[in-house]
N, C-alpha and C. Protein backbone atom coordinates (compact mmCIF):
# COMPACT_ATOMS: atom_id res chain seq x y z
N UNK A 1 39.69 48.49 117.12
CA UNK A 1 39.85 48.23 118.40
C UNK A 1 39.84 46.62 118.78
N UNK A 2 40.42 46.36 119.72
CA UNK A 2 40.39 45.09 120.30
C UNK A 2 40.08 45.26 121.64
N UNK A 3 39.44 44.15 122.07
CA UNK A 3 39.16 43.92 123.50
C UNK A 3 39.06 42.51 124.09
N UNK A 4 39.76 42.22 125.11
CA UNK A 4 39.70 40.67 125.61
C UNK A 4 39.52 40.70 127.09
N UNK A 5 38.54 40.01 127.34
CA UNK A 5 38.44 39.76 128.92
C UNK A 5 39.25 38.66 129.44
N UNK A 6 40.49 38.84 129.66
CA UNK A 6 41.26 37.59 130.05
C UNK A 6 40.76 36.94 131.30
N UNK A 7 40.41 37.53 132.34
CA UNK A 7 39.67 36.72 133.53
C UNK A 7 38.50 37.48 133.71
N UNK A 8 37.90 37.24 134.88
CA UNK A 8 36.59 37.81 135.26
C UNK A 8 36.67 39.27 135.50
N UNK A 9 38.04 39.60 136.20
CA UNK A 9 38.15 40.90 136.54
C UNK A 9 39.16 41.71 135.65
N UNK A 10 39.74 40.98 134.75
CA UNK A 10 40.91 41.63 134.03
C UNK A 10 40.42 41.86 132.53
N UNK A 11 40.72 43.04 132.19
CA UNK A 11 40.43 43.38 130.55
C UNK A 11 41.42 43.90 129.94
N UNK A 12 41.91 43.66 128.74
CA UNK A 12 43.08 44.16 127.95
C UNK A 12 42.49 44.56 126.79
N UNK A 13 42.92 45.82 126.44
CA UNK A 13 42.43 46.42 124.96
C UNK A 13 43.74 46.95 124.36
N UNK A 14 43.44 47.04 123.08
CA UNK A 14 44.41 47.51 121.84
C UNK A 14 43.78 48.51 121.01
N UNK A 15 44.29 49.47 120.50
CA UNK A 15 43.70 50.37 119.60
C UNK A 15 44.70 50.79 118.68
N UNK A 16 44.30 50.62 117.34
CA UNK A 16 45.27 50.95 116.06
C UNK A 16 44.51 52.35 115.57
N UNK A 17 45.24 53.38 115.40
CA UNK A 17 44.52 54.62 114.85
C UNK A 17 45.54 54.84 113.67
N UNK A 18 44.77 54.89 112.46
CA UNK A 18 45.30 55.47 111.33
C UNK A 18 44.65 56.68 110.77
N UNK A 19 45.36 57.63 110.47
CA UNK A 19 44.72 59.04 109.86
C UNK A 19 45.35 59.20 108.68
N UNK A 20 44.60 59.36 107.60
CA UNK A 20 45.22 59.35 106.35
C UNK A 20 45.57 60.86 106.04
N UNK A 21 46.34 61.21 105.00
CA UNK A 21 46.89 62.53 104.47
C UNK A 21 45.75 63.42 104.47
N UNK A 22 46.06 64.58 104.74
CA UNK A 22 44.68 65.73 104.63
C UNK A 22 45.26 66.99 104.28
N UNK A 23 44.33 67.74 103.62
CA UNK A 23 44.76 68.91 103.17
C UNK A 23 44.54 70.10 104.24
N UNK A 24 45.22 70.87 104.22
CA UNK A 24 45.29 71.98 105.33
C UNK A 24 44.94 73.40 104.79
N UNK A 25 44.64 73.45 103.63
CA UNK A 25 44.38 74.87 103.07
C UNK A 25 43.14 74.75 102.13
N UNK A 26 42.56 75.98 101.95
CA UNK A 26 41.28 75.71 101.02
C UNK A 26 41.60 75.48 99.80
N UNK A 27 42.82 76.03 99.45
CA UNK A 27 43.24 75.77 98.01
C UNK A 27 43.92 74.33 97.78
N UNK A 28 43.81 73.58 98.78
CA UNK A 28 44.65 72.21 98.77
C UNK A 28 46.04 72.17 98.33
N UNK A 29 46.82 73.18 98.89
CA UNK A 29 48.16 73.32 98.54
C UNK A 29 49.07 72.57 99.45
N UNK A 30 48.58 72.68 100.72
CA UNK A 30 49.34 72.18 101.71
C UNK A 30 48.70 70.83 102.48
N UNK A 31 49.64 69.89 102.66
CA UNK A 31 49.22 68.45 102.90
C UNK A 31 49.87 67.87 104.23
N UNK A 32 49.16 67.44 105.08
CA UNK A 32 49.82 66.73 106.22
C UNK A 32 49.96 65.31 105.87
N UNK A 33 51.06 64.59 106.27
CA UNK A 33 51.03 63.06 105.85
C UNK A 33 50.35 62.37 106.76
N UNK A 34 49.95 61.09 106.44
CA UNK A 34 49.07 60.30 107.30
C UNK A 34 50.11 59.65 108.42
N UNK A 35 49.42 58.94 109.38
CA UNK A 35 50.16 58.44 110.48
C UNK A 35 49.52 57.41 111.18
N UNK A 36 50.05 56.50 111.79
CA UNK A 36 49.46 55.34 112.54
C UNK A 36 49.94 55.35 114.08
N UNK A 37 49.05 55.02 114.76
CA UNK A 37 49.55 55.05 116.23
C UNK A 37 48.85 54.12 117.03
N UNK A 38 49.69 53.39 117.94
CA UNK A 38 49.05 52.31 118.88
C UNK A 38 48.90 52.63 120.26
N UNK A 39 47.58 52.39 120.69
CA UNK A 39 47.42 52.69 122.00
C UNK A 39 47.14 51.12 122.68
N UNK A 40 47.13 51.19 124.08
CA UNK A 40 46.77 50.01 124.90
C UNK A 40 46.21 50.30 126.16
N UNK A 41 45.43 49.52 126.71
CA UNK A 41 45.16 49.54 128.18
C UNK A 41 44.73 48.20 128.98
N UNK A 42 44.80 48.48 130.14
CA UNK A 42 44.43 47.21 130.97
C UNK A 42 43.51 47.75 132.02
N UNK A 43 42.61 47.01 132.45
CA UNK A 43 41.55 47.26 133.46
C UNK A 43 41.30 46.10 134.25
N UNK A 44 41.37 46.56 135.67
CA UNK A 44 41.34 45.38 136.73
C UNK A 44 40.21 45.87 137.68
N UNK A 45 39.22 45.07 137.91
CA UNK A 45 38.18 45.46 138.67
C UNK A 45 38.30 44.67 140.05
N UNK A 46 38.34 45.35 141.02
CA UNK A 46 38.58 44.95 142.32
C UNK A 46 37.23 44.50 142.92
N UNK A 47 36.13 45.13 142.48
CA UNK A 47 34.68 44.55 142.94
C UNK A 47 33.94 45.11 141.86
N UNK A 48 32.55 44.97 141.80
CA UNK A 48 31.49 45.44 141.06
C UNK A 48 31.48 46.91 141.05
N UNK A 49 32.13 47.52 142.11
CA UNK A 49 31.99 48.90 142.22
C UNK A 49 33.30 49.70 142.13
N UNK A 50 34.41 49.14 142.13
CA UNK A 50 35.75 49.77 141.99
C UNK A 50 36.63 49.23 140.98
N UNK A 51 37.13 49.97 140.07
CA UNK A 51 38.25 49.27 139.15
C UNK A 51 39.20 50.27 139.02
N UNK A 52 40.33 49.77 138.45
CA UNK A 52 41.52 50.64 138.04
C UNK A 52 42.10 50.34 136.53
N UNK A 53 42.17 51.55 135.78
CA UNK A 53 42.34 51.52 134.51
C UNK A 53 43.75 52.18 134.31
N UNK A 54 44.62 51.49 133.57
CA UNK A 54 46.03 51.81 133.07
C UNK A 54 45.80 52.02 131.56
N UNK A 55 46.17 53.07 130.91
CA UNK A 55 45.96 53.44 129.52
C UNK A 55 47.57 53.68 128.96
N UNK A 56 47.92 53.36 127.87
CA UNK A 56 49.27 53.82 127.43
C UNK A 56 48.93 54.36 126.00
N UNK A 57 49.19 55.57 125.43
CA UNK A 57 49.07 56.32 124.41
C UNK A 57 50.22 56.16 123.62
N UNK A 58 50.28 56.12 122.06
CA UNK A 58 51.37 56.25 121.31
C UNK A 58 52.57 55.33 121.87
N UNK A 59 52.30 54.04 122.04
CA UNK A 59 53.22 53.09 122.49
C UNK A 59 54.63 53.18 121.76
N UNK A 60 54.81 53.56 120.58
CA UNK A 60 56.01 53.54 119.91
C UNK A 60 56.55 54.98 119.69
N UNK A 61 55.94 55.99 120.53
CA UNK A 61 56.56 57.32 120.62
C UNK A 61 56.68 58.08 119.26
N UNK A 62 55.67 57.73 118.34
CA UNK A 62 56.04 58.36 116.90
C UNK A 62 55.46 59.69 116.73
N UNK A 63 56.49 60.53 116.13
CA UNK A 63 56.04 61.96 115.76
C UNK A 63 55.21 62.00 114.71
N UNK A 64 54.22 62.77 115.08
CA UNK A 64 53.17 63.24 114.01
C UNK A 64 52.40 64.45 114.23
N UNK A 65 52.18 64.97 113.17
CA UNK A 65 51.17 66.35 113.11
C UNK A 65 49.90 66.15 113.07
N UNK A 66 49.27 66.88 113.97
CA UNK A 66 47.69 66.86 114.24
C UNK A 66 47.29 67.97 113.33
N UNK A 67 47.97 69.14 113.22
CA UNK A 67 47.39 70.07 112.45
C UNK A 67 48.66 71.10 111.87
N UNK A 68 48.32 71.88 111.14
CA UNK A 68 49.57 73.08 110.59
C UNK A 68 48.85 74.42 110.72
N UNK A 69 49.36 75.23 111.44
CA UNK A 69 48.86 76.54 111.31
C UNK A 69 49.67 77.75 110.61
N UNK A 70 50.73 77.40 110.10
CA UNK A 70 51.53 78.24 109.33
C UNK A 70 52.42 77.26 108.49
N UNK A 71 53.02 77.68 107.34
CA UNK A 71 53.86 76.84 106.67
C UNK A 71 55.12 76.57 107.44
N UNK A 72 55.30 75.34 107.51
CA UNK A 72 56.49 74.69 108.60
C UNK A 72 56.39 74.77 109.92
N UNK A 73 55.14 75.19 110.34
CA UNK A 73 54.61 75.18 111.89
C UNK A 73 53.41 74.09 112.09
N UNK A 74 53.85 73.17 112.88
CA UNK A 74 52.85 72.02 113.20
C UNK A 74 52.64 72.11 114.56
N UNK A 75 51.47 71.50 114.83
CA UNK A 75 51.34 71.13 116.32
C UNK A 75 51.20 69.59 116.13
N UNK A 76 52.16 69.16 117.23
CA UNK A 76 52.49 67.56 117.26
C UNK A 76 51.24 66.82 118.01
N UNK A 77 51.28 65.66 117.94
CA UNK A 77 50.16 64.69 118.51
C UNK A 77 50.82 64.38 119.86
N UNK A 78 50.16 63.62 120.76
CA UNK A 78 50.43 63.47 121.92
C UNK A 78 51.88 62.30 122.04
N UNK A 79 52.72 62.52 122.67
CA UNK A 79 53.93 61.64 122.57
C UNK A 79 53.37 60.46 123.38
N UNK A 80 54.56 59.48 123.67
CA UNK A 80 54.07 58.39 124.69
C UNK A 80 53.95 58.80 125.80
N UNK A 81 52.69 58.42 126.29
CA UNK A 81 52.32 58.80 127.70
C UNK A 81 51.25 57.68 128.35
N UNK A 82 51.21 57.86 129.70
CA UNK A 82 50.45 56.94 130.26
C UNK A 82 49.29 57.59 131.18
N UNK A 83 48.29 57.17 131.35
CA UNK A 83 47.17 57.56 132.42
C UNK A 83 46.78 56.40 133.14
N UNK A 84 46.56 56.76 134.55
CA UNK A 84 45.85 55.86 135.52
C UNK A 84 44.82 56.30 135.95
N UNK A 85 43.57 55.75 136.17
CA UNK A 85 42.23 56.13 136.64
C UNK A 85 41.57 55.09 137.60
N UNK A 86 41.10 55.69 138.46
CA UNK A 86 40.64 54.76 139.59
C UNK A 86 38.93 55.03 139.13
N UNK A 87 38.13 54.17 138.95
CA UNK A 87 36.72 54.20 138.91
C UNK A 87 35.74 53.63 139.90
N UNK A 88 34.97 54.35 140.14
CA UNK A 88 33.96 53.80 141.49
C UNK A 88 32.67 54.27 141.10
N UNK A 89 31.77 53.28 141.49
CA UNK A 89 30.37 53.37 141.32
C UNK A 89 29.58 53.36 142.59
N UNK A 90 28.59 54.12 142.78
CA UNK A 90 27.93 54.18 144.12
C UNK A 90 26.52 53.80 143.83
């Protein structure tokens, strides 16, 4: 993970996630492939009490399997998506 305070109120973040191949059965007969996903974020503080965050997940929209529950059936990871959040402290 990388973080950079560009200005007093602006912060940029980047995250590279790598998950290696892993076995899905007790007998080690089924294996999921490894994957790499890149996430990013921007945070802007309007004041000491209020900030807004914009986060982007899976920037390159890579298809990857998080788990497998039957042969040939997988649960896929999060596609490219964005979150926005408003943070407030009282």
